Amino acid sequence: MNVVDIRSTAAELPDAWRSLLLGQVGSTGVKVLRMDGRPLPPESHDAAEALLVVDGALRLVADGIEVEVRAGEMYIVEAGIEHAVRPGSRGTLVIVEHIPNAA
């Protein structure tokens, strides 16, 4: 797979907030998902992740601070930082993250 239409791939996903792994470089994965306005509960990860909004907006609470990431912007969530998606997050999100036990 070489060229990926991020927006149409996200739009075709059957479920919002369920990511699809588009590709992998070493132990780093690139995923896409569709945001549909619903909030998600807090989570944290052992490794940092980059959240790139392709279209729409991502509303987060990260380490107790409210953040809005708009189309064309990226937010890095550092390892161990608790973050939760707030209501109203809609659009297309690309996630770049470490894949544990990657071959």
PDB file of N, CA and C in Angstrom:
ATOM      1  N   MET A   1       0.856  -1.171   0.000  1.00  0.00           N
ATOM      2  CA  MET A   1       0.000   0.000   0.000  1.00  0.00           C
ATOM      3  C   MET A   1       0.895   1.224   0.000  1.00  0.00           C
ATOM      4  N   ASN A   2       0.682   2.134  -0.936  1.00  0.00           N
ATOM      5  CA  ASN A   2       1.496   3.327  -1.012  1.00  0.00           C
ATOM      6  C   ASN A   2       0.708   4.591  -0.717  1.00  0.00           C
ATOM      7  N   VAL A   3      -0.317   4.877  -1.508  1.00  0.00           N
ATOM      8  CA  VAL A   3      -1.102   6.089  -1.323  1.00  0.00           C
ATOM      9  C   VAL A   3      -2.391   5.723  -0.593  1.00  0.00           C
ATOM     10  N   VAL A   4      -2.690   6.458   0.465  1.00  0.00           N
ATOM     11  CA  VAL A   4      -3.902   6.213   1.243  1.00  0.00           C
ATOM     12  C   VAL A   4      -4.705   7.502   1.303  1.00  0.00           C
ATOM     13  N   ASP A   5      -5.968   7.428   0.925  1.00  0.00           N
ATOM     14  CA  ASP A   5      -6.866   8.563   1.075  1.00  0.00           C
ATOM     15  C   ASP A   5      -7.403   8.496   2.506  1.00  0.00           C
ATOM     16  N   ILE A   6      -6.822   9.303   3.373  1.00  0.00           N
ATOM     17  CA  ILE A   6      -7.115   9.255   4.808  1.00  0.00           C
ATOM     18  C   ILE A   6      -8.597   9.517   5.074  1.00  0.00           C
ATOM     19  N   ARG A   7      -9.143  10.554   4.476  1.00  0.00           N
ATOM     20  CA  ARG A   7     -10.544  10.924   4.749  1.00  0.00           C
ATOM     21  C   ARG A   7     -11.520   9.832   4.319  1.00  0.00           C
ATOM     22  N   SER A   8     -11.359   9.306   3.116  1.00  0.00           N
ATOM     23  CA  SER A   8     -12.313   8.294   2.661  1.00  0.00           C
ATOM     24  C   SER A   8     -12.132   6.983   3.420  1.00  0.00           C
ATOM     25  N   THR A   9     -10.911   6.654   3.795  1.00  0.00           N
ATOM     26  CA  THR A   9     -10.678   5.457   4.595  1.00  0.00           C
ATOM     27  C   THR A   9     -11.385   5.571   5.937  1.00  0.00           C
ATOM     28  N   ALA A  10     -11.263   6.724   6.586  1.00  0.00           N
ATOM     29  CA  ALA A  10     -11.943   6.938   7.871  1.00  0.00           C
ATOM     30  C   ALA A  10     -13.451   6.905   7.700  1.00  0.00           C
ATOM     31  N   ALA A  11     -13.958   7.526   6.639  1.00  0.00           N
ATOM     32  CA  ALA A  11     -15.401   7.582   6.414  1.00  0.00           C
ATOM     33  C   ALA A  11     -15.991   6.194   6.191  1.00  0.00           C
ATOM     34  N   GLU A  12     -15.202   5.285   5.643  1.00  0.00           N
ATOM     35  CA  GLU A  12     -15.680   3.934   5.361  1.00  0.00           C
ATOM     36  C   GLU A  12     -15.575   2.988   6.558  1.00  0.00           C
ATOM     37  N   LEU A  13     -14.953   3.416   7.631  1.00  0.00           N
ATOM     38  CA  LEU A  13     -14.845   2.549   8.806  1.00  0.00           C
ATOM     39  C   LEU A  13     -16.241   2.289   9.371  1.00  0.00           C
ATOM     40  N   PRO A  14     -16.531   1.036   9.725  1.00  0.00           N
ATOM     41  CA  PRO A  14     -17.878   0.710  10.201  1.00  0.00           C
ATOM     42  C   PRO A  14     -18.216   1.310  11.569  1.00  0.00           C
ATOM     43  N   ASP A  15     -17.221   1.526  12.402  1.00  0.00           N
ATOM     44  CA  ASP A  15     -17.458   2.027  13.752  1.00  0.00           C
ATOM     45  C   ASP A  15     -16.576   3.229  14.042  1.00  0.00           C
ATOM     46  N   ALA A  16     -17.186   4.279  14.585  1.00  0.00           N
ATOM     47  CA  ALA A  16     -16.402   5.424  15.051  1.00  0.00           C
ATOM     48  C   ALA A  16     -15.557   4.993  16.246  1.00  0.00           C
ATOM     49  N   TRP A  17     -14.429   5.639  16.408  1.00  0.00           N
ATOM     50  CA  TRP A  17     -13.507   5.426  17.529  1.00  0.00           C
ATOM     51  C   TRP A  17     -12.848   4.049  17.509  1.00  0.00           C
ATOM     52  N   ARG A  18     -12.955   3.305  16.403  1.00  0.00           N
ATOM     53  CA  ARG A  18     -12.240   2.034  16.241  1.00  0.00           C
ATOM     54  C   ARG A  18     -11.194   2.264  15.165  1.00  0.00           C
ATOM     55  N   SER A  19      -9.937   2.297  15.571  1.00  0.00           N
ATOM     56  CA  SER A  19      -8.879   2.665  14.635  1.00  0.00           C
ATOM     57  C   SER A  19      -8.539   1.527  13.686  1.00  0.00           C
ATOM     58  N   LEU A  20      -7.983   1.912  12.556  1.00  0.00           N
ATOM     59  CA  LEU A  20      -7.498   0.981  11.544  1.00  0.00           C
ATOM     60  C   LEU A  20      -6.014   1.259  11.350  1.00  0.00           C
ATOM     61  N   LEU A  21      -5.191   0.229  11.481  1.00  0.00           N
ATOM     62  CA  LEU A  21      -3.756   0.366  11.251  1.00  0.00           C
ATOM     63  C   LEU A  21      -3.514   0.498   9.753  1.00  0.00           C
ATOM     64  N   LEU A  22      -2.981   1.647   9.341  1.00  0.00           N
ATOM     65  CA  LEU A  22      -2.712   1.898   7.925  1.00  0.00           C
ATOM     66  C   LEU A  22      -1.345   1.386   7.507  1.00  0.00           C
ATOM     67  N   GLY A  23      -0.392   1.450   8.424  1.00  0.00           N
ATOM     68  CA  GLY A  23       0.957   1.026   8.107  1.00  0.00           C
ATOM     69  C   GLY A  23       1.843   1.083   9.326  1.00  0.00           C
ATOM     70  N   GLN A  24       3.032   0.540   9.153  1.00  0.00           N
ATOM     71  CA  GLN A  24       3.966   0.449  10.258  1.00  0.00           C
ATOM     72  C   GLN A  24       5.374   0.721   9.747  1.00  0.00           C
ATOM     73  N   VAL A  25       6.121   1.518  10.498  1.00  0.00           N
ATOM     74  CA  VAL A  25       7.525   1.774  10.208  1.00  0.00           C
ATOM     75  C   VAL A  25       8.283   1.382  11.460  1.00  0.00           C
ATOM     76  N   GLY A  26       8.999   0.273  11.386  1.00  0.00           N
ATOM     77  CA  GLY A  26       9.657  -0.239  12.585  1.00  0.00           C
ATOM     78  C   GLY A  26       8.597  -0.568  13.629  1.00  0.00           C
ATOM     79  N   SER A  27       8.753  -0.007  14.819  1.00  0.00           N
ATOM     80  CA  SER A  27       7.791  -0.270  15.891  1.00  0.00           C
ATOM     81  C   SER A  27       6.754   0.844  16.028  1.00  0.00           C
ATOM     82  N   THR A  28       6.653   1.699  15.019  1.00  0.00           N
ATOM     83  CA  THR A  28       5.690   2.798  15.035  1.00  0.00           C
ATOM     84  C   THR A  28       4.549   2.506  14.072  1.00  0.00           C
ATOM     85  N   GLY A  29       3.326   2.624  14.579  1.00  0.00           N
ATOM     86  CA  GLY A  29       2.146   2.390  13.761  1.00  0.00           C
ATOM     87  C   GLY A  29       1.452   3.695  13.429  1.00  0.00           C
ATOM     88  N   VAL A  30       0.836   3.728  12.251  1.00  0.00           N
ATOM     89  CA  VAL A  30       0.038   4.877  11.831  1.00  0.00           C
ATOM     90  C   VAL A  30      -1.394   4.370  11.666  1.00  0.00           C
ATOM     91  N   LYS A  31      -2.302   4.949  12.456  1.00  0.00           N
ATOM     92  CA  LYS A  31      -3.697   4.519  12.456  1.00  0.00           C
ATOM     93  C   LYS A  31      -4.600   5.680  12.067  1.00  0.00           C
ATOM     94  N   VAL A  32      -5.796   5.360  11.594  1.00  0.00           N
ATOM     95  CA  VAL A  32      -6.806   6.365  11.298  1.00  0.00           C
ATOM     96  C   VAL A  32      -8.093   5.957  11.996  1.00  0.00           C
ATOM     97  N   LEU A  33      -8.872   6.953  12.392  1.00  0.00           N
ATOM     98  CA  LEU A  33     -10.194   6.674  12.937  1.00  0.00           C
ATOM     99  C   LEU A  33     -11.128   7.833  12.661  1.00  0.00           C
ATOM    100  N   ARG A  34     -12.395   7.555  12.827  1.00  0.00           N
ATOM    101  CA  ARG A  34     -13.451   8.543  12.621  1.00  0.00           C
ATOM    102  C   ARG A  34     -14.019   8.918  13.976  1.00  0.00           C
ATOM    103  N   MET A  35     -14.038  10.220  14.256  1.00  0.00           N
ATOM    104  CA  MET A  35     -14.608  10.735  15.502  1.00  0.00           C
ATOM    105  C   MET A  35     -16.059  11.114  15.237  1.00  0.00           C
ATOM    106  N   ASP A  36     -16.964  10.784  16.156  1.00  0.00           N
ATOM    107  CA  ASP A  36     -18.385  11.027  15.915  1.00  0.00           C
ATOM    108  C   ASP A  36     -19.072  11.881  16.978  1.00  0.00           C
ATOM    109  N   GLY A  37     -18.314  12.591  17.773  1.00  0.00           N
ATOM    110  CA  GLY A  37     -18.917  13.490  18.755  1.00  0.00           C
ATOM    111  C   GLY A  37     -19.055  12.904  20.143  1.00  0.00           C
ATOM    112  N   ARG A  38     -18.974  11.578  20.261  1.00  0.00           N
ATOM    113  CA  ARG A  38     -19.098  10.952  21.579  1.00  0.00           C
ATOM    114  C   ARG A  38     -17.815  11.116  22.393  1.00  0.00           C
ATOM    115  N   PRO A  39     -17.940  11.252  23.695  1.00  0.00           N
ATOM    116  CA  PRO A  39     -16.750  11.292  24.546  1.00  0.00           C
ATOM    117  C   PRO A  39     -16.200   9.881  24.768  1.00  0.00           C
ATOM    118  N   LEU A  40     -14.959   9.808  25.202  1.00  0.00           N
ATOM    119  CA  LEU A  40     -14.336   8.539  25.572  1.00  0.00           C
ATOM    120  C   LEU A  40     -13.759   8.672  26.971  1.00  0.00           C
ATOM    121  N   PRO A  41     -13.705   7.572  27.709  1.00  0.00           N
ATOM    122  CA  PRO A  41     -13.183   7.633  29.075  1.00  0.00           C
ATOM    123  C   PRO A  41     -11.674   7.885  29.093  1.00  0.00           C
ATOM    124  N   PRO A  42     -11.160   8.317  30.235  1.00  0.00           N
ATOM    125  CA  PRO A  42      -9.718   8.567  30.360  1.00  0.00           C
ATOM    126  C   PRO A  42      -8.895   7.308  30.109  1.00  0.00           C
ATOM    127  N   GLU A  43      -7.702   7.535  29.550  1.00  0.00           N
ATOM    128  CA  GLU A  43      -6.741   6.457  29.332  1.00  0.00           C
ATOM    129  C   GLU A  43      -5.342   7.043  29.382  1.00  0.00           C
ATOM    130  N   SER A  44      -4.365   6.171  29.522  1.00  0.00           N
ATOM    131  CA  SER A  44      -2.959   6.577  29.421  1.00  0.00           C
ATOM    132  C   SER A  44      -2.198   5.419  28.792  1.00  0.00           C
ATOM    133  N   HIS A  45      -1.010   5.718  28.285  1.00  0.00           N
ATOM    134  CA  HIS A  45      -0.220   4.719  27.576  1.00  0.00           C
ATOM    135  C   HIS A  45       1.230   4.753  28.078  1.00  0.00           C
ATOM    136  N   ASP A  46       1.931   3.643  27.865  1.00  0.00           N
ATOM    137  CA  ASP A  46       3.329   3.557  28.277  1.00  0.00           C
ATOM    138  C   ASP A  46       4.257   4.349  27.358  1.00  0.00           C
ATOM    139  N   ALA A  47       3.772   4.693  26.167  1.00  0.00           N
ATOM    140  CA  ALA A  47       4.585   5.449  25.211  1.00  0.00           C
ATOM    141  C   ALA A  47       3.786   6.668  24.735  1.00  0.00           C
ATOM    142  N   ALA A  48       4.491   7.688  24.287  1.00  0.00           N
ATOM    143  CA  ALA A  48       3.838   8.886  23.751  1.00  0.00           C
ATOM    144  C   ALA A  48       3.084   8.543  22.475  1.00  0.00           C
ATOM    145  N   GLU A  49       2.086   9.363  22.143  1.00  0.00           N
ATOM    146  CA  GLU A  49       1.377   9.206  20.881  1.00  0.00           C
ATOM    147  C   GLU A  49       1.128  10.581  20.281  1.00  0.00           C
ATOM    148  N   ALA A  50       1.137  10.630  18.948  1.00  0.00           N
ATOM    149  CA  ALA A  50       0.841  11.867  18.234  1.00  0.00           C
ATOM    150  C   ALA A  50      -0.568  11.766  17.688  1.00  0.00           C
ATOM    151  N   LEU A  51      -1.355  12.815  17.907  1.00  0.00           N
ATOM    152  CA  LEU A  51      -2.738  12.874  17.440  1.00  0.00           C
ATOM    153  C   LEU A  51      -2.833  13.992  16.414  1.00  0.00           C
ATOM    154  N   LEU A  52      -3.049  13.647  15.153  1.00  0.00           N
ATOM    155  CA  LEU A  52      -3.100  14.596  14.046  1.00  0.00           C
ATOM    156  C   LEU A  52      -4.532  14.671  13.522  1.00  0.00           C
ATOM    157  N   VAL A  53      -5.140  15.831  13.616  1.00  0.00           N
ATOM    158  CA  VAL A  53      -6.504  16.020  13.142  1.00  0.00           C
ATOM    159  C   VAL A  53      -6.452  16.389  11.662  1.00  0.00           C
ATOM    160  N   VAL A  54      -7.039  15.539  10.831  1.00  0.00           N
ATOM    161  CA  VAL A  54      -7.070  15.770   9.390  1.00  0.00           C
ATOM    162  C   VAL A  54      -8.209  16.722   9.048  1.00  0.00           C
ATOM    163  N   ASP A  55      -9.377  16.462   9.613  1.00  0.00           N
ATOM    164  CA  ASP A  55     -10.498  17.393   9.475  1.00  0.00           C
ATOM    165  C   ASP A  55     -11.346  17.318  10.733  1.00  0.00           C
ATOM    166  N   GLY A  56     -12.065  18.407  11.003  1.00  0.00           N
ATOM    167  CA  GLY A  56     -12.862  18.480  12.221  1.00  0.00           C
ATOM    168  C   GLY A  56     -12.063  19.021  13.384  1.00  0.00           C
ATOM    169  N   ALA A  57     -12.384  18.540  14.573  1.00  0.00           N
ATOM    170  CA  ALA A  57     -11.691  18.987  15.789  1.00  0.00           C
ATOM    171  C   ALA A  57     -11.719  17.886  16.837  1.00  0.00           C
ATOM    172  N   LEU A  58     -10.645  17.779  17.576  1.00  0.00           N
ATOM    173  CA  LEU A  58     -10.508  16.842  18.692  1.00  0.00           C
ATOM    174  C   LEU A  58     -10.474  17.659  19.966  1.00  0.00           C
ATOM    175  N   ARG A  59     -11.368  17.352  20.883  1.00  0.00           N
ATOM    176  CA  ARG A  59     -11.411  18.036  22.176  1.00  0.00           C
ATOM    177  C   ARG A  59     -10.963  17.046  23.231  1.00  0.00           C
ATOM    178  N   LEU A  60      -9.912  17.419  23.941  1.00  0.00           N
ATOM    179  CA  LEU A  60      -9.302  16.540  24.941  1.00  0.00           C
ATOM    180  C   LEU A  60      -9.213  17.223  26.296  1.00  0.00           C
ATOM    181  N   VAL A  61      -9.124  16.394  27.308  1.00  0.00           N
ATOM    182  CA  VAL A  61      -8.603  16.823  28.598  1.00  0.00           C
ATOM    183  C   VAL A  61      -7.346  15.985  28.782  1.00  0.00           C
ATOM    184  N   ALA A  62      -6.199  16.624  28.835  1.00  0.00           N
ATOM    185  CA  ALA A  62      -4.916  15.928  28.971  1.00  0.00           C
ATOM    186  C   ALA A  62      -4.208  16.458  30.204  1.00  0.00           C
ATOM    187  N   ASP A  63      -3.958  15.582  31.139  1.00  0.00           N
ATOM    188  CA  ASP A  63      -3.299  15.957  32.390  1.00  0.00           C
ATOM    189  C   ASP A  63      -4.061  17.089  33.086  1.00  0.00           C
ATOM    190  N   GLY A  64      -5.417  17.023  32.985  1.00  0.00           N
ATOM    191  CA  GLY A  64      -6.265  18.004  33.647  1.00  0.00           C
ATOM    192  C   GLY A  64      -6.467  19.308  32.893  1.00  0.00           C
ATOM    193  N   ILE A  65      -5.876  19.440  31.710  1.00  0.00           N
ATOM    194  CA  ILE A  65      -5.973  20.679  30.931  1.00  0.00           C
ATOM    195  C   ILE A  65      -6.809  20.427  29.677  1.00  0.00           C
ATOM    196  N   GLU A  66      -7.794  21.306  29.434  1.00  0.00           N
ATOM    197  CA  GLU A  66      -8.623  21.184  28.229  1.00  0.00           C
ATOM    198  C   GLU A  66      -7.849  21.684  27.019  1.00  0.00           C
ATOM    199  N   VAL A  67      -7.909  20.889  25.944  1.00  0.00           N
ATOM    200  CA  VAL A  67      -7.177  21.185  24.714  1.00  0.00           C
ATOM    201  C   VAL A  67      -8.114  20.964  23.531  1.00  0.00           C
ATOM    202  N   GLU A  68      -8.077  21.865  22.556  1.00  0.00           N
ATOM    203  CA  GLU A  68      -8.794  21.644  21.300  1.00  0.00           C
ATOM    204  C   GLU A  68      -7.765  21.611  20.179  1.00  0.00           C
ATOM    205  N   VAL A  69      -7.796  20.528  19.424  1.00  0.00           N
ATOM    206  CA  VAL A  69      -6.879  20.341  18.305  1.00  0.00           C
ATOM    207  C   VAL A  69      -7.724  20.408  17.037  1.00  0.00           C
ATOM    208  N   ARG A  70      -7.412  21.348  16.168  1.00  0.00           N
ATOM    209  CA  ARG A  70      -8.207  21.574  14.953  1.00  0.00           C
ATOM    210  C   ARG A  70      -7.534  20.955  13.731  1.00  0.00           C
ATOM    211  N   ALA A  71      -8.280  20.949  12.641  1.00  0.00           N
ATOM    212  CA  ALA A  71      -7.776  20.391  11.382  1.00  0.00           C
ATOM    213  C   ALA A  71      -6.415  20.992  11.045  1.00  0.00           C
ATOM    214  N   GLY A  72      -5.477  20.119  10.711  1.00  0.00           N
ATOM    215  CA  GLY A  72      -4.130  20.555  10.367  1.00  0.00           C
ATOM    216  C   GLY A  72      -3.219  20.697  11.565  1.00  0.00           C
ATOM    217  N   GLU A  73      -3.732  20.455  12.769  1.00  0.00           N
ATOM    218  CA  GLU A  73      -2.925  20.556  13.990  1.00  0.00           C
ATOM    219  C   GLU A  73      -2.669  19.175  14.579  1.00  0.00           C
ATOM    220  N   MET A  74      -1.598  19.097  15.355  1.00  0.00           N
ATOM    221  CA  MET A  74      -1.210  17.843  15.991  1.00  0.00           C
ATOM    222  C   MET A  74      -0.947  18.094  17.469  1.00  0.00           C
ATOM    223  N   TYR A  75      -1.281  17.118  18.279  1.00  0.00           N
ATOM    224  CA  TYR A  75      -1.030  17.195  19.718  1.00  0.00           C
ATOM    225  C   TYR A  75      -0.279  15.939  20.127  1.00  0.00           C
ATOM    226  N   ILE A  76       0.779  16.101  20.889  1.00  0.00           N
ATOM    227  CA  ILE A  76       1.546  14.964  21.398  1.00  0.00           C
ATOM    228  C   ILE A  76       1.115  14.707  22.832  1.00  0.00           C
ATOM    229  N   VAL A  77       0.655  13.496  23.096  1.00  0.00           N
ATOM    230  CA  VAL A  77       0.339  13.080  24.454  1.00  0.00           C
ATOM    231  C   VAL A  77       1.553  12.306  24.954  1.00  0.00           C
ATOM    232  N   GLU A  78       2.208  12.844  25.953  1.00  0.00           N
ATOM    233  CA  GLU A  78       3.407  12.203  26.490  1.00  0.00           C
ATOM    234  C   GLU A  78       3.055  10.895  27.210  1.00  0.00           C
ATOM    235  N   ALA A  79       4.003  10.008  27.298  1.00  0.00           N
ATOM    236  CA  ALA A  79       3.813   8.724  27.975  1.00  0.00           C
ATOM    237  C   ALA A  79       3.321   8.943  29.403  1.00  0.00           C
ATOM    238  N   GLY A  80       2.345   8.137  29.801  1.00  0.00           N
ATOM    239  CA  GLY A  80       1.849   8.165  31.163  1.00  0.00           C
ATOM    240  C   GLY A  80       0.846   9.265  31.474  1.00  0.00           C
ATOM    241  N   ILE A  81       0.585  10.169  30.532  1.00  0.00           N
ATOM    242  CA  ILE A  81      -0.350  11.273  30.768  1.00  0.00           C
ATOM    243  C   ILE A  81      -1.787  10.785  30.537  1.00  0.00           C
ATOM    244  N   GLU A  82      -2.636  10.956  31.547  1.00  0.00           N
ATOM    245  CA  GLU A  82      -4.034  10.590  31.389  1.00  0.00           C
ATOM    246  C   GLU A  82      -4.719  11.602  30.475  1.00  0.00           C
ATOM    247  N   HIS A  83      -5.479  11.093  29.526  1.00  0.00           N
ATOM    248  CA  HIS A  83      -6.195  11.955  28.591  1.00  0.00           C
ATOM    249  C   HIS A  83      -7.544  11.323  28.264  1.00  0.00           C
ATOM    250  N   ALA A  84      -8.536  12.183  28.009  1.00  0.00           N
ATOM    251  CA  ALA A  84      -9.884  11.726  27.688  1.00  0.00           C
ATOM    252  C   ALA A  84     -10.454  12.598  26.581  1.00  0.00           C
ATOM    253  N   VAL A  85     -11.216  11.983  25.699  1.00  0.00           N
ATOM    254  CA  VAL A  85     -11.882  12.708  24.627  1.00  0.00           C
ATOM    255  C   VAL A  85     -13.160  13.320  25.183  1.00  0.00           C
ATOM    256  N   ARG A  86     -13.338  14.605  24.900  1.00  0.00           N
ATOM    257  CA  ARG A  86     -14.510  15.348  25.357  1.00  0.00           C
ATOM    258  C   ARG A  86     -15.621  15.278  24.298  1.00  0.00           C
ATOM    259  N   PRO A  87     -16.868  15.499  24.703  1.00  0.00           N
ATOM    260  CA  PRO A  87     -17.968  15.523  23.731  1.00  0.00           C
ATOM    261  C   PRO A  87     -17.722  16.579  22.648  1.00  0.00           C
ATOM    262  N   GLY A  88     -18.194  16.284  21.453  1.00  0.00           N
ATOM    263  CA  GLY A  88     -18.075  17.240  20.349  1.00  0.00           C
ATOM    264  C   GLY A  88     -16.885  17.008  19.448  1.00  0.00           C
ATOM    265  N   SER A  89     -16.074  15.999  19.738  1.00  0.00           N
ATOM    266  CA  SER A  89     -14.937  15.682  18.865  1.00  0.00           C
ATOM    267  C   SER A  89     -15.467  14.978  17.623  1.00  0.00           C
ATOM    268  N   ARG A  90     -15.269  15.602  16.463  1.00  0.00           N
ATOM    269  CA  ARG A  90     -15.774  15.052  15.198  1.00  0.00           C
ATOM    270  C   ARG A  90     -14.731  15.218  14.101  1.00  0.00           C
ATOM    271  N   GLY A  91     -14.730  14.270  13.175  1.00  0.00           N
ATOM    272  CA  GLY A  91     -13.849  14.386  12.025  1.00  0.00           C
ATOM    273  C   GLY A  91     -12.946  13.177  11.882  1.00  0.00           C
ATOM    274  N   THR A  92     -11.785  13.415  11.298  1.00  0.00           N
ATOM    275  CA  THR A  92     -10.825  12.351  10.999  1.00  0.00           C
ATOM    276  C   THR A  92      -9.557  12.567  11.805  1.00  0.00           C
ATOM    277  N   LEU A  93      -9.111  11.508  12.464  1.00  0.00           N
ATOM    278  CA  LEU A  93      -7.933  11.567  13.326  1.00  0.00           C
ATOM    279  C   LEU A  93      -6.915  10.526  12.887  1.00  0.00           C
ATOM    280  N   VAL A  94      -5.656  10.935  12.770  1.00  0.00           N
ATOM    281  CA  VAL A  94      -4.547  10.015  12.531  1.00  0.00           C
ATOM    282  C   VAL A  94      -3.758   9.916  13.835  1.00  0.00           C
ATOM    283  N   ILE A  95      -3.473   8.690  14.236  1.00  0.00           N
ATOM    284  CA  ILE A  95      -2.718   8.433  15.462  1.00  0.00           C
ATOM    285  C   ILE A  95      -1.393   7.770  15.078  1.00  0.00           C
ATOM    286  N   VAL A  96      -0.301   8.308  15.587  1.00  0.00           N
ATOM    287  CA  VAL A  96       1.022   7.716  15.389  1.00  0.00           C
ATOM    288  C   VAL A  96       1.496   7.279  16.766  1.00  0.00           C
ATOM    289  N   GLU A  97       1.728   5.962  16.892  1.00  0.00           N
ATOM    290  CA  GLU A  97       2.061   5.432  18.215  1.00  0.00           C
ATOM    291  C   GLU A  97       2.971   4.213  18.120  1.00  0.00           C
ATOM    292  N   HIS A  98       3.601   3.927  19.218  1.00  0.00           N
ATOM    293  CA  HIS A  98       4.456   2.754  19.371  1.00  0.00           C
ATOM    294  C   HIS A  98       3.583   1.503  19.404  1.00  0.00           C
ATOM    295  N   ILE A  99       3.997   0.470  18.709  1.00  0.00           N
ATOM    296  CA  ILE A  99       3.298  -0.806  18.747  1.00  0.00           C
ATOM    297  C   ILE A  99       4.145  -1.784  19.567  1.00  0.00           C
ATOM    298  N   PRO A 100       3.659  -2.150  20.755  1.00  0.00           N
ATOM    299  CA  PRO A 100       4.436  -3.079  21.589  1.00  0.00           C
ATOM    300  C   PRO A 100       4.674  -4.403  20.869  1.00  0.00           C
ATOM    301  N   ASN A 101       5.828  -4.970  21.077  1.00  0.00           N
ATOM    302  CA  ASN A 101       6.189  -6.277  20.517  1.00  0.00           C
ATOM    303  C   ASN A 101       6.137  -6.296  18.994  1.00  0.00           C
ATOM    304  N   ALA A 102       6.390  -5.162  18.366  1.00  0.00           N
ATOM    305  CA  ALA A 102       6.393  -5.116  16.896  1.00  0.00           C
ATOM    306  C   ALA A 102       7.581  -5.891  16.361  1.00  0.00           C
ATOM    307  N   ALA A 103       7.340  -6.591  15.278  1.00  0.00           N
ATOM    308  CA  ALA A 103       8.415  -7.414  14.689  1.00  0.00           C
ATOM    309  C   ALA A 103       9.391  -6.558  13.916  1.00  0.00           C
TER     310      ALA A 103
END
